[in-house]
Amino acid sequence: MLEEAAGELFFERGYAATSVADITARAGVSRNTFFNYFGAKSDLLWSTFDATVATLGESLTDPRHDDGTVRGTARAALMEVAGALRPDNVSLAFTHADTMGLADELRRSAAVRASDVAVVLTSFAVMKGVEPLRAEVAGAAYAGALVAAVGEWSRSGAVRTSLCEVLAEALAPVEGALP
């Protein structure tokens, strides 16, 4: 409900000109309700992504994904996350960033998501015995591949394109970062 109201308003007025009060009024809820679910206006763009990525830690420890390599396990877990992600406000935002006036905010909020994913991947890699610096670099690279893939998938037409295929392409140059 809040995400839909925000999407409409971002199109109508632009991101910067839309306040949390505008969004809550459109959705028919209070500001308190908004802040019970979201910490910031930009979180509305990423709500489905955030909820889906929240399963990454569990997915990394799922025995179905363990192929004996950290690389293979991380790849399989990211593919599971990508397979579960559906087009929503984030794909709309990537597609219409200029129209909605949110290109800068989208870039900043994407960096936060990449950093959060990197922390999970880094912790997993260290737990599996990867040297911490290598794990941190690899975690950032794999996380960057996921966020870049979401952007490309969105701009390519998320309903017509497979995020898993785009993610496989994005991971190709960085997969060797993990053993």
N, C-alpha and C. Protein backbone atom coordinates (compact mmCIF):
# COMPACT_ATOMS: atom_id res chain seq x y z
N MET A 1 0.82 -1.18 0.00
CA MET A 1 0.00 0.00 0.00
C MET A 1 0.88 1.26 0.00
N LEU A 2 1.83 1.34 0.93
CA LEU A 2 2.73 2.50 0.97
C LEU A 2 3.62 2.55 -0.27
N GLU A 3 4.12 1.38 -0.68
CA GLU A 3 4.99 1.33 -1.85
C GLU A 3 4.26 1.80 -3.10
N GLU A 4 3.01 1.37 -3.25
CA GLU A 4 2.21 1.77 -4.41
C GLU A 4 1.96 3.28 -4.40
N ALA A 5 1.58 3.80 -3.25
CA ALA A 5 1.34 5.24 -3.13
C ALA A 5 2.61 6.02 -3.46
N ALA A 6 3.74 5.55 -2.95
CA ALA A 6 5.01 6.23 -3.21
C ALA A 6 5.34 6.21 -4.70
N GLY A 7 5.18 5.06 -5.34
CA GLY A 7 5.47 4.95 -6.76
C GLY A 7 4.65 5.93 -7.58
N GLU A 8 3.37 6.02 -7.26
CA GLU A 8 2.50 6.96 -7.98
C GLU A 8 2.97 8.40 -7.79
N LEU A 9 3.26 8.74 -6.54
CA LEU A 9 3.67 10.12 -6.25
C LEU A 9 5.03 10.46 -6.84
N PHE A 10 5.95 9.51 -6.84
CA PHE A 10 7.26 9.77 -7.45
C PHE A 10 7.11 10.07 -8.93
N PHE A 11 6.17 9.37 -9.58
CA PHE A 11 5.91 9.65 -11.00
C PHE A 11 5.26 11.02 -11.17
N GLU A 12 4.29 11.32 -10.34
CA GLU A 12 3.54 12.56 -10.47
C GLU A 12 4.36 13.80 -10.13
N ARG A 13 5.10 13.73 -9.01
CA ARG A 13 5.77 14.92 -8.48
C ARG A 13 7.29 14.86 -8.53
N GLY A 14 7.82 13.67 -8.66
CA GLY A 14 9.26 13.50 -8.53
C GLY A 14 9.60 13.07 -7.11
N TYR A 15 10.72 12.43 -6.98
CA TYR A 15 11.14 11.88 -5.68
C TYR A 15 11.36 12.99 -4.65
N ALA A 16 12.13 13.99 -5.00
CA ALA A 16 12.48 15.05 -4.04
C ALA A 16 11.27 15.85 -3.58
N ALA A 17 10.29 16.02 -4.45
CA ALA A 17 9.11 16.82 -4.12
C ALA A 17 8.05 16.02 -3.37
N THR A 18 8.28 14.74 -3.17
CA THR A 18 7.33 13.89 -2.46
C THR A 18 7.81 13.66 -1.04
N SER A 19 6.98 14.04 -0.08
CA SER A 19 7.36 13.86 1.32
C SER A 19 6.74 12.58 1.88
N VAL A 20 7.24 12.18 3.03
CA VAL A 20 6.64 11.04 3.73
C VAL A 20 5.18 11.35 4.04
N ALA A 21 4.89 12.60 4.41
CA ALA A 21 3.50 12.99 4.69
C ALA A 21 2.63 12.82 3.45
N ASP A 22 3.15 13.16 2.29
CA ASP A 22 2.40 12.97 1.04
C ASP A 22 2.08 11.49 0.82
N ILE A 23 3.08 10.66 1.05
CA ILE A 23 2.91 9.22 0.84
C ILE A 23 1.89 8.64 1.80
N THR A 24 2.00 9.02 3.08
CA THR A 24 1.06 8.46 4.06
C THR A 24 -0.36 8.97 3.81
N ALA A 25 -0.49 10.23 3.38
CA ALA A 25 -1.83 10.75 3.06
C ALA A 25 -2.43 9.99 1.89
N ARG A 26 -1.63 9.75 0.86
CA ARG A 26 -2.12 9.00 -0.31
C ARG A 26 -2.51 7.58 0.09
N ALA A 27 -1.73 6.97 0.97
CA ALA A 27 -1.99 5.58 1.38
C ALA A 27 -3.07 5.49 2.46
N GLY A 28 -3.41 6.63 3.07
CA GLY A 28 -4.43 6.63 4.11
C GLY A 28 -3.95 6.05 5.43
N VAL A 29 -2.67 6.27 5.74
CA VAL A 29 -2.11 5.79 7.01
C VAL A 29 -1.37 6.94 7.68
N SER A 30 -0.98 6.74 8.93
CA SER A 30 -0.28 7.78 9.67
C SER A 30 1.23 7.73 9.43
N ARG A 31 1.90 8.84 9.75
CA ARG A 31 3.37 8.88 9.68
C ARG A 31 3.97 7.80 10.57
N ASN A 32 3.36 7.59 11.74
CA ASN A 32 3.87 6.55 12.64
C ASN A 32 3.83 5.18 11.98
N THR A 33 2.77 4.92 11.25
CA THR A 33 2.67 3.64 10.53
C THR A 33 3.80 3.52 9.53
N PHE A 34 4.07 4.60 8.81
CA PHE A 34 5.17 4.58 7.85
C PHE A 34 6.47 4.18 8.54
N PHE A 35 6.78 4.84 9.65
CA PHE A 35 8.06 4.60 10.31
C PHE A 35 8.09 3.29 11.09
N ASN A 36 6.95 2.66 11.26
CA ASN A 36 6.95 1.30 11.82
C ASN A 36 7.51 0.31 10.80
N TYR A 37 7.39 0.63 9.52
CA TYR A 37 7.81 -0.28 8.45
C TYR A 37 9.07 0.17 7.72
N PHE A 38 9.31 1.46 7.64
CA PHE A 38 10.41 1.99 6.84
C PHE A 38 11.19 3.02 7.63
N GLY A 39 12.50 2.99 7.48
CA GLY A 39 13.35 3.97 8.14
C GLY A 39 13.51 5.25 7.35
N ALA A 40 13.32 5.15 6.04
CA ALA A 40 13.51 6.31 5.17
C ALA A 40 12.65 6.16 3.92
N LYS A 41 12.44 7.26 3.26
CA LYS A 41 11.64 7.26 2.04
C LYS A 41 12.23 6.33 0.99
N SER A 42 13.54 6.30 0.88
CA SER A 42 14.18 5.45 -0.14
C SER A 42 13.96 3.96 0.13
N ASP A 43 13.67 3.59 1.38
CA ASP A 43 13.42 2.18 1.69
C ASP A 43 12.19 1.65 0.97
N LEU A 44 11.28 2.55 0.61
CA LEU A 44 10.09 2.13 -0.16
C LEU A 44 10.48 1.54 -1.51
N LEU A 45 11.56 2.02 -2.07
CA LEU A 45 12.01 1.53 -3.38
C LEU A 45 12.52 0.10 -3.28
N TRP A 46 13.04 -0.26 -2.14
CA TRP A 46 13.79 -1.51 -1.98
C TRP A 46 13.09 -2.54 -1.11
N SER A 47 11.84 -2.34 -0.73
CA SER A 47 11.21 -3.21 0.27
C SER A 47 11.20 -4.68 -0.13
N THR A 48 10.85 -4.98 -1.36
CA THR A 48 10.84 -6.38 -1.80
C THR A 48 12.26 -6.93 -1.88
N PHE A 49 13.18 -6.14 -2.40
CA PHE A 49 14.59 -6.55 -2.45
C PHE A 49 15.09 -6.85 -1.04
N ASP A 50 14.84 -5.94 -0.11
CA ASP A 50 15.31 -6.13 1.27
C ASP A 50 14.74 -7.40 1.89
N ALA A 51 13.45 -7.61 1.70
CA ALA A 51 12.82 -8.81 2.28
C ALA A 51 13.38 -10.08 1.65
N THR A 52 13.63 -10.05 0.37
CA THR A 52 14.17 -11.23 -0.32
C THR A 52 15.62 -11.48 0.08
N VAL A 53 16.42 -10.43 0.11
CA VAL A 53 17.83 -10.56 0.46
C VAL A 53 18.01 -10.97 1.93
N ALA A 54 17.02 -10.70 2.76
CA ALA A 54 17.10 -11.10 4.17
C ALA A 54 17.25 -12.61 4.33
N THR A 55 16.91 -13.36 3.29
CA THR A 55 17.04 -14.83 3.34
C THR A 55 18.42 -15.32 2.94
N LEU A 56 19.31 -14.42 2.53
CA LEU A 56 20.62 -14.82 2.01
C LEU A 56 21.45 -15.61 3.02
N GLY A 57 21.50 -15.15 4.25
CA GLY A 57 22.29 -15.85 5.27
C GLY A 57 21.85 -17.29 5.44
N GLU A 58 20.55 -17.48 5.49
CA GLU A 58 19.99 -18.84 5.60
C GLU A 58 20.30 -19.65 4.36
N SER A 59 20.20 -19.03 3.23
CA SER A 59 20.46 -19.72 1.96
C SER A 59 21.93 -20.16 1.86
N LEU A 60 22.83 -19.34 2.39
CA LEU A 60 24.26 -19.68 2.35
C LEU A 60 24.58 -20.92 3.18
N THR A 61 23.80 -21.17 4.20
CA THR A 61 24.05 -22.33 5.06
C THR A 61 23.17 -23.53 4.70
N ASP A 62 22.38 -23.40 3.68
CA ASP A 62 21.52 -24.50 3.22
C ASP A 62 22.40 -25.57 2.57
N PRO A 63 22.37 -26.79 3.08
CA PRO A 63 23.22 -27.85 2.52
C PRO A 63 23.00 -28.10 1.02
N ARG A 64 21.83 -27.75 0.51
CA ARG A 64 21.57 -27.94 -0.93
C ARG A 64 22.52 -27.11 -1.79
N HIS A 65 23.01 -26.01 -1.24
CA HIS A 65 23.87 -25.10 -2.00
C HIS A 65 25.36 -25.41 -1.86
N ASP A 66 25.71 -26.29 -0.94
CA ASP A 66 27.12 -26.57 -0.66
C ASP A 66 27.69 -27.54 -1.69
N ASP A 67 28.49 -27.00 -2.60
CA ASP A 67 29.12 -27.85 -3.62
C ASP A 67 30.58 -28.12 -3.26
N GLY A 68 30.95 -27.78 -2.03
CA GLY A 68 32.32 -28.00 -1.59
C GLY A 68 33.22 -26.79 -1.80
N THR A 69 32.71 -25.76 -2.46
CA THR A 69 33.48 -24.53 -2.65
C THR A 69 32.70 -23.35 -2.09
N VAL A 70 33.42 -22.37 -1.60
CA VAL A 70 32.77 -21.15 -1.12
C VAL A 70 32.13 -20.44 -2.31
N ARG A 71 32.84 -20.42 -3.42
CA ARG A 71 32.36 -19.78 -4.65
C ARG A 71 31.02 -20.38 -5.10
N GLY A 72 30.97 -21.69 -5.19
CA GLY A 72 29.75 -22.36 -5.66
C GLY A 72 28.58 -22.16 -4.72
N THR A 73 28.87 -22.21 -3.42
CA THR A 73 27.81 -22.01 -2.44
C THR A 73 27.27 -20.59 -2.51
N ALA A 74 28.18 -19.61 -2.58
CA ALA A 74 27.75 -18.21 -2.67
C ALA A 74 26.94 -17.97 -3.94
N ARG A 75 27.41 -18.52 -5.03
CA ARG A 75 26.69 -18.37 -6.31
C ARG A 75 25.29 -18.97 -6.22
N ALA A 76 25.19 -20.19 -5.69
CA ALA A 76 23.89 -20.86 -5.59
C ALA A 76 22.94 -20.08 -4.69
N ALA A 77 23.45 -19.56 -3.58
CA ALA A 77 22.61 -18.80 -2.66
C ALA A 77 22.13 -17.50 -3.32
N LEU A 78 23.02 -16.81 -4.02
CA LEU A 78 22.62 -15.59 -4.72
C LEU A 78 21.61 -15.90 -5.82
N MET A 79 21.79 -17.00 -6.51
CA MET A 79 20.83 -17.40 -7.55
C MET A 79 19.46 -17.69 -6.94
N GLU A 80 19.45 -18.30 -5.76
CA GLU A 80 18.17 -18.55 -5.09
C GLU A 80 17.48 -17.24 -4.76
N VAL A 81 18.23 -16.29 -4.24
CA VAL A 81 17.68 -14.97 -3.94
C VAL A 81 17.16 -14.32 -5.22
N ALA A 82 17.96 -14.35 -6.27
CA ALA A 82 17.56 -13.74 -7.55
C ALA A 82 16.31 -14.41 -8.11
N GLY A 83 16.22 -15.72 -7.96
CA GLY A 83 15.05 -16.43 -8.46
C GLY A 83 13.77 -16.08 -7.72
N ALA A 84 13.92 -15.64 -6.47
CA ALA A 84 12.75 -15.28 -5.66
C ALA A 84 12.35 -13.82 -5.82
N LEU A 85 13.23 -13.00 -6.35
CA LEU A 85 12.95 -11.56 -6.46
C LEU A 85 11.99 -11.29 -7.60
N ARG A 86 10.98 -10.50 -7.31
CA ARG A 86 9.97 -10.15 -8.31
C ARG A 86 10.07 -8.66 -8.64
N PRO A 87 9.67 -8.29 -9.85
CA PRO A 87 9.67 -6.86 -10.21
C PRO A 87 8.74 -6.08 -9.28
N ASP A 88 9.18 -4.94 -8.83
CA ASP A 88 8.39 -4.08 -7.96
C ASP A 88 8.91 -2.66 -8.07
N ASN A 89 8.86 -1.92 -6.97
CA ASN A 89 9.27 -0.52 -7.01
C ASN A 89 10.72 -0.32 -7.39
N VAL A 90 11.62 -1.24 -6.99
CA VAL A 90 13.03 -1.04 -7.33
C VAL A 90 13.23 -1.16 -8.84
N SER A 91 12.55 -2.10 -9.47
CA SER A 91 12.69 -2.21 -10.93
C SER A 91 12.06 -0.99 -11.61
N LEU A 92 10.96 -0.52 -11.08
CA LEU A 92 10.34 0.70 -11.60
C LEU A 92 11.28 1.89 -11.43
N ALA A 93 11.94 1.96 -10.28
CA ALA A 93 12.85 3.07 -10.01
C ALA A 93 14.05 3.05 -10.95
N PHE A 94 14.65 1.87 -11.17
CA PHE A 94 15.78 1.80 -12.09
C PHE A 94 15.36 2.17 -13.51
N THR A 95 14.17 1.76 -13.89
CA THR A 95 13.69 2.02 -15.24
C THR A 95 13.37 3.50 -15.45
N HIS A 96 12.85 4.15 -14.43
CA HIS A 96 12.37 5.53 -14.57
C HIS A 96 13.09 6.50 -13.63
N ALA A 97 14.34 6.21 -13.32
CA ALA A 97 15.08 7.04 -12.35
C ALA A 97 15.11 8.51 -12.74
N ASP A 98 15.35 8.80 -13.99
CA ASP A 98 15.41 10.20 -14.42
C ASP A 98 14.05 10.86 -14.37
N THR A 99 13.03 10.16 -14.85
CA THR A 99 11.67 10.70 -14.84
C THR A 99 11.21 11.01 -13.42
N MET A 100 11.54 10.11 -12.48
CA MET A 100 11.13 10.27 -11.09
C MET A 100 12.07 11.19 -10.31
N GLY A 101 13.18 11.57 -10.92
CA GLY A 101 14.12 12.44 -10.25
C GLY A 101 14.81 11.79 -9.06
N LEU A 102 15.12 10.52 -9.19
CA LEU A 102 15.72 9.84 -8.04
C LEU A 102 17.02 9.11 -8.38
N ALA A 103 17.67 9.49 -9.45
CA ALA A 103 18.90 8.80 -9.85
C ALA A 103 19.96 8.84 -8.75
N ASP A 104 20.17 9.99 -8.13
CA ASP A 104 21.18 10.09 -7.07
C ASP A 104 20.79 9.26 -5.85
N GLU A 105 19.55 9.37 -5.45
CA GLU A 105 19.08 8.61 -4.29
C GLU A 105 19.11 7.11 -4.57
N LEU A 106 18.79 6.72 -5.76
CA LEU A 106 18.83 5.30 -6.13
C LEU A 106 20.26 4.79 -6.07
N ARG A 107 21.19 5.57 -6.54
CA ARG A 107 22.60 5.18 -6.48
C ARG A 107 23.06 5.02 -5.03
N ARG A 108 22.70 5.97 -4.18
CA ARG A 108 23.08 5.90 -2.76
C ARG A 108 22.43 4.70 -2.07
N SER A 109 21.15 4.52 -2.29
CA SER A 109 20.46 3.42 -1.62
C SER A 109 20.90 2.07 -2.17
N ALA A 110 21.29 2.00 -3.43
CA ALA A 110 21.83 0.76 -3.99
C ALA A 110 23.16 0.42 -3.33
N ALA A 111 23.97 1.45 -3.06
CA ALA A 111 25.26 1.22 -2.40
C ALA A 111 25.06 0.66 -0.99
N VAL A 112 24.06 1.15 -0.29
CA VAL A 112 23.76 0.63 1.05
C VAL A 112 23.37 -0.84 0.95
N ARG A 113 22.52 -1.18 -0.02
CA ARG A 113 22.11 -2.59 -0.18
C ARG A 113 23.30 -3.47 -0.54
N ALA A 114 24.15 -2.99 -1.43
CA ALA A 114 25.33 -3.78 -1.80
C ALA A 114 26.22 -3.99 -0.58
N SER A 115 26.37 -2.97 0.23
CA SER A 115 27.19 -3.08 1.44
C SER A 115 26.59 -4.10 2.41
N ASP A 116 25.28 -4.07 2.58
CA ASP A 116 24.62 -5.02 3.48
C ASP A 116 24.78 -6.45 3.00
N VAL A 117 24.63 -6.67 1.70
CA VAL A 117 24.81 -8.01 1.13
C VAL A 117 26.27 -8.44 1.28
N ALA A 118 27.19 -7.51 1.08
CA ALA A 118 28.61 -7.82 1.20
C ALA A 118 28.97 -8.29 2.61
N VAL A 119 28.37 -7.69 3.62
CA VAL A 119 28.63 -8.10 5.00
C VAL A 119 28.23 -9.55 5.21
N VAL A 120 27.08 -9.94 4.70
CA VAL A 120 26.62 -11.33 4.84
C VAL A 120 27.55 -12.28 4.11
N LEU A 121 27.90 -11.94 2.89
CA LEU A 121 28.80 -12.80 2.10
C LEU A 121 30.19 -12.88 2.71
N THR A 122 30.69 -11.76 3.20
CA THR A 122 32.01 -11.74 3.84
C THR A 122 32.03 -12.62 5.08
N SER A 123 31.02 -12.49 5.92
CA SER A 123 30.95 -13.31 7.14
C SER A 123 30.93 -14.79 6.80
N PHE A 124 30.16 -15.15 5.79
CA PHE A 124 30.10 -16.54 5.36
C PHE A 124 31.46 -17.02 4.88
N ALA A 125 32.11 -16.24 4.05
CA ALA A 125 33.41 -16.64 3.51
C ALA A 125 34.45 -16.80 4.61
N VAL A 126 34.48 -15.87 5.56
CA VAL A 126 35.42 -15.98 6.68
C VAL A 126 35.13 -17.23 7.50
N MET A 127 33.84 -17.49 7.74
CA MET A 127 33.45 -18.69 8.48
C MET A 127 33.94 -19.95 7.76
N LYS A 128 34.02 -19.89 6.45
CA LYS A 128 34.48 -21.04 5.65
C LYS A 128 36.00 -21.07 5.48
N GLY A 129 36.70 -20.15 6.16
CA GLY A 129 38.15 -20.19 6.15
C GLY A 129 38.85 -19.28 5.16
N VAL A 130 38.09 -18.43 4.49
CA VAL A 130 38.71 -17.49 3.55
C VAL A 130 39.36 -16.37 4.37
N GLU A 131 40.57 -15.99 3.97
CA GLU A 131 41.29 -14.91 4.64
C GLU A 131 40.40 -13.65 4.64
N PRO A 132 40.32 -12.92 5.78
CA PRO A 132 39.37 -11.81 5.90
C PRO A 132 39.44 -10.75 4.81
N LEU A 133 40.63 -10.31 4.41
CA LEU A 133 40.69 -9.28 3.37
C LEU A 133 40.13 -9.81 2.06
N ARG A 134 40.53 -11.01 1.69
CA ARG A 134 40.01 -11.60 0.45
C ARG A 134 38.49 -11.77 0.55
N ALA A 135 38.01 -12.20 1.71
CA ALA A 135 36.57 -12.39 1.90
C ALA A 135 35.82 -11.07 1.75
N GLU A 136 36.40 -10.00 2.30
CA GLU A 136 35.74 -8.70 2.21
C GLU A 136 35.69 -8.19 0.77
N VAL A 137 36.80 -8.33 0.07
CA VAL A 137 36.84 -7.90 -1.33
C VAL A 137 35.87 -8.73 -2.16
N ALA A 138 35.89 -10.04 -1.96
CA ALA A 138 35.00 -10.93 -2.72
C ALA A 138 33.54 -10.66 -2.37
N GLY A 139 33.26 -10.46 -1.08
CA GLY A 139 31.89 -10.16 -0.68
C GLY A 139 31.36 -8.91 -1.35
N ALA A 140 32.22 -7.88 -1.41
CA ALA A 140 31.82 -6.63 -2.07
C ALA A 140 31.61 -6.85 -3.57
N ALA A 141 32.48 -7.66 -4.17
CA ALA A 141 32.36 -7.91 -5.62
C ALA A 141 31.08 -8.69 -5.93
N TYR A 142 30.81 -9.73 -5.17
CA TYR A 142 29.60 -10.52 -5.41
C TYR A 142 28.35 -9.69 -5.14
N ALA A 143 28.37 -8.90 -4.06
CA ALA A 143 27.23 -8.04 -3.75
C ALA A 143 27.02 -6.99 -4.84
N GLY A 144 28.11 -6.43 -5.32
CA GLY A 144 28.02 -5.47 -6.42
C GLY A 144 27.43 -6.10 -7.66
N ALA A 145 27.79 -7.35 -7.91
CA ALA A 145 27.23 -8.06 -9.06
C ALA A 145 25.72 -8.22 -8.91
N LEU A 146 25.26 -8.54 -7.70
CA LEU A 146 23.82 -8.70 -7.48
C LEU A 146 23.09 -7.38 -7.73
N VAL A 147 23.56 -6.31 -7.13
CA VAL A 147 22.87 -5.02 -7.28
C VAL A 147 22.95 -4.52 -8.72
N ALA A 148 24.10 -4.69 -9.36
CA ALA A 148 24.22 -4.30 -10.77
C ALA A 148 23.28 -5.13 -11.64
N ALA A 149 23.15 -6.41 -11.32
CA ALA A 149 22.25 -7.27 -12.08
C ALA A 149 20.80 -6.83 -11.92
N VAL A 150 20.42 -6.44 -10.71
CA VAL A 150 19.05 -5.95 -10.49
C VAL A 150 18.81 -4.70 -11.33
N GLY A 151 19.78 -3.81 -11.38
CA GLY A 151 19.63 -2.61 -12.22
C GLY A 151 19.50 -2.94 -13.69
N GLU A 152 20.36 -3.80 -14.18
CA GLU A 152 20.32 -4.18 -15.60
C GLU A 152 19.04 -4.92 -15.93
N TRP A 153 18.64 -5.84 -15.06
CA TRP A 153 17.40 -6.60 -15.23
C TRP A 153 16.21 -5.65 -15.32
N SER A 154 16.19 -4.67 -14.45
CA SER A 154 15.10 -3.69 -14.43
C SER A 154 15.06 -2.89 -15.72
N ARG A 155 16.21 -2.38 -16.13
CA ARG A 155 16.26 -1.56 -17.35
C ARG A 155 15.99 -2.37 -18.61
N SER A 156 16.25 -3.67 -18.56
CA SER A 156 16.02 -4.55 -19.72
C SER A 156 14.59 -5.04 -19.81
N GLY A 157 13.79 -4.72 -18.81
CA GLY A 157 12.41 -5.18 -18.79
C GLY A 157 12.29 -6.40 -17.89
N ALA A 158 12.11 -6.15 -16.60
CA ALA A 158 12.14 -7.21 -15.59
C ALA A 158 11.13 -8.32 -15.85
N VAL A 159 10.01 -8.00 -16.48
CA VAL A 159 9.02 -9.05 -16.73
C VAL A 159 9.39 -9.89 -17.95
N ARG A 160 10.32 -9.39 -18.78
CA ARG A 160 10.72 -10.13 -19.98
C ARG A 160 12.09 -10.78 -19.85
N THR A 161 12.81 -10.46 -18.79
CA THR A 161 14.19 -10.89 -18.64
C THR A 161 14.33 -11.71 -17.36
N SER A 162 15.22 -12.68 -17.36
CA SER A 162 15.48 -13.49 -16.17
C SER A 162 16.58 -12.84 -15.34
N LEU A 163 16.28 -12.53 -14.09
CA LEU A 163 17.30 -11.97 -13.21
C LEU A 163 18.43 -12.97 -13.01
N CYS A 164 18.12 -14.25 -12.94
CA CYS A 164 19.18 -15.25 -12.77
C CYS A 164 20.16 -15.23 -13.93
N GLU A 165 19.67 -15.06 -15.14
CA GLU A 165 20.57 -14.99 -16.30
C GLU A 165 21.44 -13.74 -16.24
N VAL A 166 20.85 -12.63 -15.86
CA VAL A 166 21.61 -11.38 -15.76
C VAL A 166 22.63 -11.49 -14.63
N LEU A 167 22.23 -12.11 -13.52
CA LEU A 167 23.16 -12.28 -12.40
C LEU A 167 24.32 -13.19 -12.79
N ALA A 168 24.05 -14.25 -13.52
CA ALA A 168 25.14 -15.14 -13.97
C ALA A 168 26.15 -14.35 -14.79
N GLU A 169 25.66 -13.48 -15.65
CA GLU A 169 26.55 -12.65 -16.46
C GLU A 169 27.34 -11.67 -15.59
N ALA A 170 26.67 -11.10 -14.59
CA ALA A 170 27.33 -10.13 -13.71
C ALA A 170 28.37 -10.80 -12.81
N LEU A 171 28.12 -12.04 -12.41
CA LEU A 171 29.07 -12.75 -11.55
C LEU A 171 30.30 -13.26 -12.30
N ALA A 172 30.18 -13.46 -13.59
CA ALA A 172 31.27 -14.07 -14.38
C ALA A 172 32.63 -13.42 -14.14
N PRO A 173 32.75 -12.10 -14.16
CA PRO A 173 34.08 -11.52 -13.99
C PRO A 173 34.62 -11.57 -12.56
N VAL A 174 33.76 -11.85 -11.57
CA VAL A 174 34.21 -11.79 -10.17
C VAL A 174 34.22 -13.14 -9.47
N GLU A 175 33.70 -14.17 -10.10
CA GLU A 175 33.57 -15.46 -9.40
C GLU A 175 34.89 -15.98 -8.86
N GLY A 176 35.98 -15.74 -9.54
CA GLY A 176 37.28 -16.23 -9.09
C GLY A 176 37.78 -15.57 -7.81
N ALA A 177 37.06 -14.57 -7.32
CA ALA A 177 37.47 -13.90 -6.08
C ALA A 177 37.33 -14.81 -4.87
N LEU A 178 36.48 -15.82 -4.96
CA LEU A 178 36.31 -16.79 -3.87
C LEU A 178 36.86 -18.14 -4.30
N PRO A 179 37.40 -18.88 -3.33
CA PRO A 179 37.91 -20.22 -3.66
C PRO A 179 36.79 -21.23 -3.86
